[in-house]
Amino acid sequence: MSDAIAERFRRLRTAGRRALVCYITAGHPDYERSLAVLQGIVAAGADIVEVGVPFSDPLADGPVIQTSSQHALERGMTFERTLQLIRDARVDAPIVLFSYLNPIIAAGPDALERAAAAGAHGLLITDLPLGADAALEQRFADGPLDYVRLVAPTTPRERMADIARHGSGFVYLISRLGVTGERSDIAADLPATVTLLRSVTDLPVCVGFGISTPAQAATVAALADGVVVGSALVRAAESSVDEAVRLVRDLRVAIDGV
């Protein structure tokens, strides 16, 4: 298993910085521009990039990411082309393959090995909660990619500990209930939830869902080891590569100011 994610967090911790974790939908708005966005946001300061595998029924995502996924599928984006995107990008940042379960299963038993060979370092499955399929979860945990697990804000402490114990790389803390999407504020109970999660794991804690502005990113960076931005970046990429890169630069400045 690659230690690229752990090494990135070690370097950030030594420098007293927080991670900026950016999500993009592979193939959105099209292959060429998603490649340019991926390369551009890493150059602008993204520490880790979640590359979303387009899926026809992304139930956990809000309208921005749902639409981007549909557009990518209409333009012929597949699991294999997602891996090709990662190969072509050749970025100096850990890549987390962000997917629903179905595309991974459909890609075959060696899907994770092929993803690692393409340059991915982590795996995040949105719709496989702990205990849903122990054998499948063990396969992912034993695979060549760090297995990043999701924790909801309503998760009890004991289950938080169990989830984190069965994951690696970092823990993705969902900041609020509901689907992905931009919000105007940060959940009031987020500080307490981060503190609770930190009490049960030594893995870095990254917070996502609803973070869309530099000010919000700075607020979250004061609490967590990393800040995840998705919908706002996908919306910016829809406008232009430059707008997506500009947003990441602004987020980087805000986070580093904490």
Protein backbone atom coordinates (compact mmCIF):
# COMPACT_ATOMS: atom_id res chain seq x y z
CA MET A 1 0.00 0.00 0.00
CA SER A 2 1.27 3.47 -0.88
CA ASP A 3 2.13 5.81 1.98
CA ALA A 4 1.66 8.92 -0.18
CA ILE A 5 -1.34 10.18 1.79
CA ALA A 6 0.31 9.63 5.18
CA GLU A 7 3.48 11.30 3.92
CA ARG A 8 1.53 14.31 2.69
CA PHE A 9 -0.09 14.76 6.10
CA ARG A 10 3.29 14.33 7.83
CA ARG A 11 4.76 17.10 5.69
CA LEU A 12 1.80 19.37 6.34
CA ARG A 13 1.91 18.71 10.08
CA THR A 14 5.62 19.51 10.20
CA ALA A 15 4.94 22.79 8.40
CA GLY A 16 2.00 23.61 10.66
CA ARG A 17 -0.42 23.59 7.74
CA ARG A 18 -3.79 22.03 6.98
CA ALA A 19 -4.64 19.95 3.92
CA LEU A 20 -6.74 21.31 1.10
CA VAL A 21 -8.61 18.33 -0.36
CA CYS A 22 -10.32 19.08 -3.68
CA TYR A 23 -12.97 17.05 -5.47
CA ILE A 24 -13.41 16.96 -9.25
CA THR A 25 -15.70 14.83 -11.39
CA ALA A 26 -13.65 12.92 -13.95
CA GLY A 27 -14.61 13.98 -17.46
CA HIS A 28 -16.41 17.17 -16.45
CA PRO A 29 -17.00 19.45 -18.28
CA ASP A 30 -15.14 17.23 -20.75
CA TYR A 31 -12.03 15.09 -20.69
CA GLU A 32 -9.59 17.78 -21.80
CA ARG A 33 -10.86 20.40 -19.37
CA SER A 34 -11.06 18.00 -16.45
CA LEU A 35 -7.43 17.10 -17.13
CA ALA A 36 -6.51 20.80 -17.16
CA VAL A 37 -8.48 21.40 -13.95
CA LEU A 38 -6.78 18.46 -12.21
CA GLN A 39 -3.33 19.68 -13.16
CA GLY A 40 -4.19 23.32 -12.47
CA ILE A 41 -5.62 22.87 -8.99
CA VAL A 42 -2.62 20.84 -7.84
CA ALA A 43 -0.33 23.59 -9.12
CA ALA A 44 -2.54 26.11 -7.26
CA GLY A 45 -2.19 24.34 -3.92
CA ALA A 46 -4.47 21.30 -3.66
CA ASP A 47 -2.77 18.78 -1.37
CA ILE A 48 -5.00 15.80 -2.19
CA VAL A 49 -7.46 15.40 -5.06
CA GLU A 50 -10.56 13.24 -4.95
CA VAL A 51 -11.30 12.16 -8.52
CA GLY A 52 -14.96 11.23 -8.79
CA VAL A 53 -15.93 8.28 -10.97
CA PRO A 54 -19.12 9.35 -12.79
CA PHE A 55 -22.16 7.29 -11.80
CA SER A 56 -25.73 7.32 -13.07
CA ASP A 57 -27.39 7.37 -9.64
CA PRO A 58 -25.26 9.43 -7.22
CA LEU A 59 -27.74 9.56 -4.34
CA ALA A 60 -25.38 11.16 -1.81
CA ASP A 61 -24.63 14.10 -4.08
CA GLY A 62 -26.48 17.35 -4.58
CA PRO A 63 -27.53 18.84 -7.92
CA VAL A 64 -24.14 20.30 -8.86
CA ILE A 65 -22.22 17.04 -8.66
CA GLN A 66 -25.17 15.00 -9.94
CA THR A 67 -25.30 17.16 -13.05
CA SER A 68 -21.54 17.00 -13.56
CA SER A 69 -21.64 13.22 -13.31
CA GLN A 70 -24.45 12.97 -15.84
CA HIS A 71 -22.67 15.26 -18.29
CA ALA A 72 -19.46 13.23 -17.95
CA LEU A 73 -21.33 9.99 -18.64
CA GLU A 74 -22.97 11.53 -21.70
CA ARG A 75 -19.49 12.38 -23.00
CA GLY A 76 -18.37 8.77 -22.67
CA MET A 77 -16.58 8.86 -19.30
CA THR A 78 -16.04 5.43 -17.76
CA PHE A 79 -14.03 3.85 -14.98
CA GLU A 80 -11.23 3.08 -17.42
CA ARG A 81 -11.19 6.63 -18.77
CA THR A 82 -11.07 7.89 -15.19
CA LEU A 83 -7.91 5.85 -14.69
CA GLN A 84 -6.56 7.25 -17.94
CA LEU A 85 -7.23 10.76 -16.67
CA ILE A 86 -5.16 10.04 -13.58
CA ARG A 87 -2.36 8.64 -15.76
CA ASP A 88 -2.40 11.61 -18.08
CA ALA A 89 -2.42 14.16 -15.25
CA ARG A 90 0.82 12.95 -13.61
CA VAL A 91 0.30 15.31 -10.69
CA ASP A 92 2.48 15.58 -7.61
CA ALA A 93 -0.36 15.03 -5.15
CA PRO A 94 -2.08 11.94 -3.76
CA ILE A 95 -5.20 10.94 -5.69
CA VAL A 96 -8.22 9.42 -3.98
CA LEU A 97 -10.58 7.51 -6.24
CA PHE A 98 -14.03 8.70 -5.15
CA SER A 99 -16.80 6.35 -6.22
CA TYR A 100 -20.06 4.66 -5.53
CA LEU A 101 -19.81 0.91 -5.08
CA ASN A 102 -21.37 -0.15 -8.38
CA PRO A 103 -18.64 1.21 -10.73
CA ILE A 104 -15.93 -0.47 -8.65
CA ILE A 105 -17.68 -3.85 -8.69
CA ALA A 106 -18.46 -3.54 -12.40
CA ALA A 107 -14.81 -2.78 -13.14
CA GLY A 108 -13.79 -6.28 -12.07
CA PRO A 109 -11.85 -7.96 -9.26
CA ASP A 110 -8.58 -6.23 -10.15
CA ALA A 111 -10.10 -2.72 -10.32
CA LEU A 112 -8.12 -1.42 -7.34
CA GLU A 113 -4.85 -2.85 -8.63
CA ARG A 114 -5.43 -1.13 -11.96
CA ALA A 115 -6.26 2.12 -10.16
CA ALA A 116 -3.03 1.92 -8.16
CA ALA A 117 -1.05 1.24 -11.33
CA ALA A 118 -2.65 4.32 -12.89
CA GLY A 119 -1.47 6.50 -10.01
CA ALA A 120 -4.28 6.47 -7.45
CA HIS A 121 -3.38 6.28 -3.77
CA GLY A 122 -6.72 6.07 -1.97
CA LEU A 123 -10.28 4.82 -2.32
CA LEU A 124 -13.46 6.33 -0.92
CA ILE A 125 -16.75 4.49 -1.41
CA THR A 126 -19.78 6.62 -0.59
CA ASP A 127 -22.40 3.90 -0.23
CA LEU A 128 -20.70 1.08 1.68
CA PRO A 129 -21.16 1.78 5.40
CA LEU A 130 -19.20 -0.19 7.95
CA GLY A 131 -20.73 -3.63 8.44
CA ALA A 132 -22.74 -3.66 5.23
CA ASP A 133 -20.53 -6.29 3.57
CA ALA A 134 -17.66 -7.44 5.75
CA ALA A 135 -15.94 -9.50 3.06
CA LEU A 136 -16.04 -6.69 0.53
CA GLU A 137 -14.84 -4.15 3.07
CA GLN A 138 -11.94 -6.43 3.97
CA ARG A 139 -11.05 -6.74 0.29
CA PHE A 140 -10.87 -2.96 0.03
CA ALA A 141 -8.93 -2.64 3.29
CA ASP A 142 -6.39 -5.26 2.12
CA GLY A 143 -6.05 -3.70 -1.33
CA PRO A 144 -3.30 -1.45 -2.69
CA LEU A 145 -5.13 1.81 -1.91
CA ASP A 146 -5.74 3.57 1.39
CA TYR A 147 -9.38 2.96 2.31
CA VAL A 148 -10.81 6.31 3.39
CA ARG A 149 -13.95 5.95 5.51
CA LEU A 150 -16.85 8.36 5.99
CA VAL A 151 -18.20 9.42 9.38
CA ALA A 152 -21.55 11.19 9.74
CA PRO A 153 -22.07 13.96 12.33
CA THR A 154 -24.67 11.83 14.14
CA THR A 155 -22.39 8.80 14.50
CA PRO A 156 -22.00 7.61 18.13
CA ARG A 157 -18.50 7.67 19.60
CA GLU A 158 -18.10 3.89 19.68
CA ARG A 159 -19.05 3.55 16.02
CA MET A 160 -16.74 6.44 15.10
CA ALA A 161 -13.89 4.46 16.64
CA ASP A 162 -14.89 1.31 14.77
CA ILE A 163 -15.14 3.12 11.43
CA ALA A 164 -11.76 4.80 11.88
CA ARG A 165 -10.15 1.52 12.94
CA HIS A 166 -11.24 -0.05 9.65
CA GLY A 167 -9.93 2.80 7.51
CA SER A 168 -6.62 4.34 6.50
CA GLY A 169 -5.22 7.52 4.98
CA PHE A 170 -7.62 9.91 6.69
CA VAL A 171 -11.17 9.99 8.00
CA TYR A 172 -13.70 12.02 6.02
CA LEU A 173 -16.08 13.71 8.46
CA ILE A 174 -19.34 14.81 6.87
CA SER A 175 -20.03 18.26 8.33
CA ARG A 176 -23.82 18.00 8.15
CA LEU A 177 -26.59 15.63 7.19
CA GLY A 178 -27.96 15.65 3.66
CA VAL A 179 -26.37 15.58 0.24
CA THR A 180 -23.28 17.38 -1.00
CA GLY A 181 -23.62 21.01 -1.99
CA GLU A 182 -22.72 24.56 -1.13
CA ARG A 183 -24.03 26.05 2.12
CA SER A 184 -24.06 29.55 3.57
CA ASP A 185 -22.81 28.55 7.01
CA ILE A 186 -20.90 25.92 8.97
CA ALA A 187 -22.82 23.52 11.21
CA ALA A 188 -22.88 24.85 14.77
CA ASP A 189 -22.02 21.46 16.28
CA LEU A 190 -19.01 20.85 14.02
CA PRO A 191 -16.35 21.75 16.65
CA ALA A 192 -17.81 19.24 19.10
CA THR A 193 -18.05 16.56 16.42
CA VAL A 194 -14.43 17.04 15.35
CA THR A 195 -13.30 16.85 18.97
CA LEU A 196 -15.26 13.64 19.47
CA LEU A 197 -13.79 12.02 16.36
CA ARG A 198 -10.26 13.08 17.31
CA SER A 199 -10.73 11.35 20.67
CA VAL A 200 -11.05 7.94 18.99
CA THR A 201 -8.50 8.01 16.14
CA ASP A 202 -4.99 9.14 15.30
CA LEU A 203 -5.84 9.36 11.59
CA PRO A 204 -6.07 12.87 10.13
CA VAL A 205 -9.61 14.26 10.17
CA CYS A 206 -10.81 16.02 7.02
CA VAL A 207 -14.16 17.79 6.93
CA GLY A 208 -16.36 18.13 3.85
CA PHE A 209 -19.94 18.74 2.64
CA GLY A 210 -21.08 22.34 2.31
CA ILE A 211 -17.72 24.12 2.39
CA SER A 212 -17.67 26.54 -0.51
CA THR A 213 -15.91 29.81 0.39
CA PRO A 214 -12.43 30.73 1.60
CA ALA A 215 -13.91 32.07 4.85
CA GLN A 216 -15.68 28.77 5.53
CA ALA A 217 -12.52 26.85 4.66
CA ALA A 218 -10.54 28.90 7.15
CA THR A 219 -13.11 28.23 9.87
CA VAL A 220 -12.94 24.48 9.27
CA ALA A 221 -9.14 24.51 8.98
CA ALA A 222 -8.96 25.85 12.53
CA LEU A 223 -10.70 22.67 13.69
CA ALA A 224 -9.55 19.84 11.44
CA ASP A 225 -6.48 18.46 9.66
CA GLY A 226 -7.99 19.04 6.24
CA VAL A 227 -10.77 20.82 4.40
CA VAL A 228 -12.67 19.15 1.54
CA VAL A 229 -14.22 21.32 -1.18
CA GLY A 230 -16.32 19.71 -3.89
CA SER A 231 -19.48 21.32 -5.26
CA ALA A 232 -18.07 24.84 -5.34
CA LEU A 233 -15.07 23.62 -7.30
CA VAL A 234 -17.20 21.60 -9.72
CA ARG A 235 -19.37 24.67 -10.29
CA ALA A 236 -16.26 26.77 -10.94
CA ALA A 237 -14.89 24.17 -13.36
CA GLU A 238 -18.16 24.34 -15.29
CA SER A 239 -17.39 28.01 -15.98
CA SER A 240 -13.70 27.68 -16.81
CA VAL A 241 -10.42 26.09 -15.84
CA ASP A 242 -9.15 29.48 -14.73
CA GLU A 243 -12.07 29.98 -12.36
CA ALA A 244 -11.48 26.61 -10.73
CA VAL A 245 -7.78 27.35 -10.32
CA ARG A 246 -8.54 30.80 -8.92
CA LEU A 247 -10.90 29.31 -6.32
CA VAL A 248 -8.24 26.84 -5.18
CA ARG A 249 -5.67 29.63 -4.86
CA ASP A 250 -8.09 31.63 -2.72
CA LEU A 251 -8.89 28.60 -0.58
CA ARG A 252 -5.18 27.88 -0.14
CA VAL A 253 -4.47 31.42 1.04
CA ALA A 254 -7.38 31.30 3.50
CA ILE A 255 -6.40 27.94 4.95
CA ASP A 256 -2.76 28.90 5.29
CA GLY A 257 -3.81 32.03 7.16
CA VAL A 258 -5.16 29.96 10.05
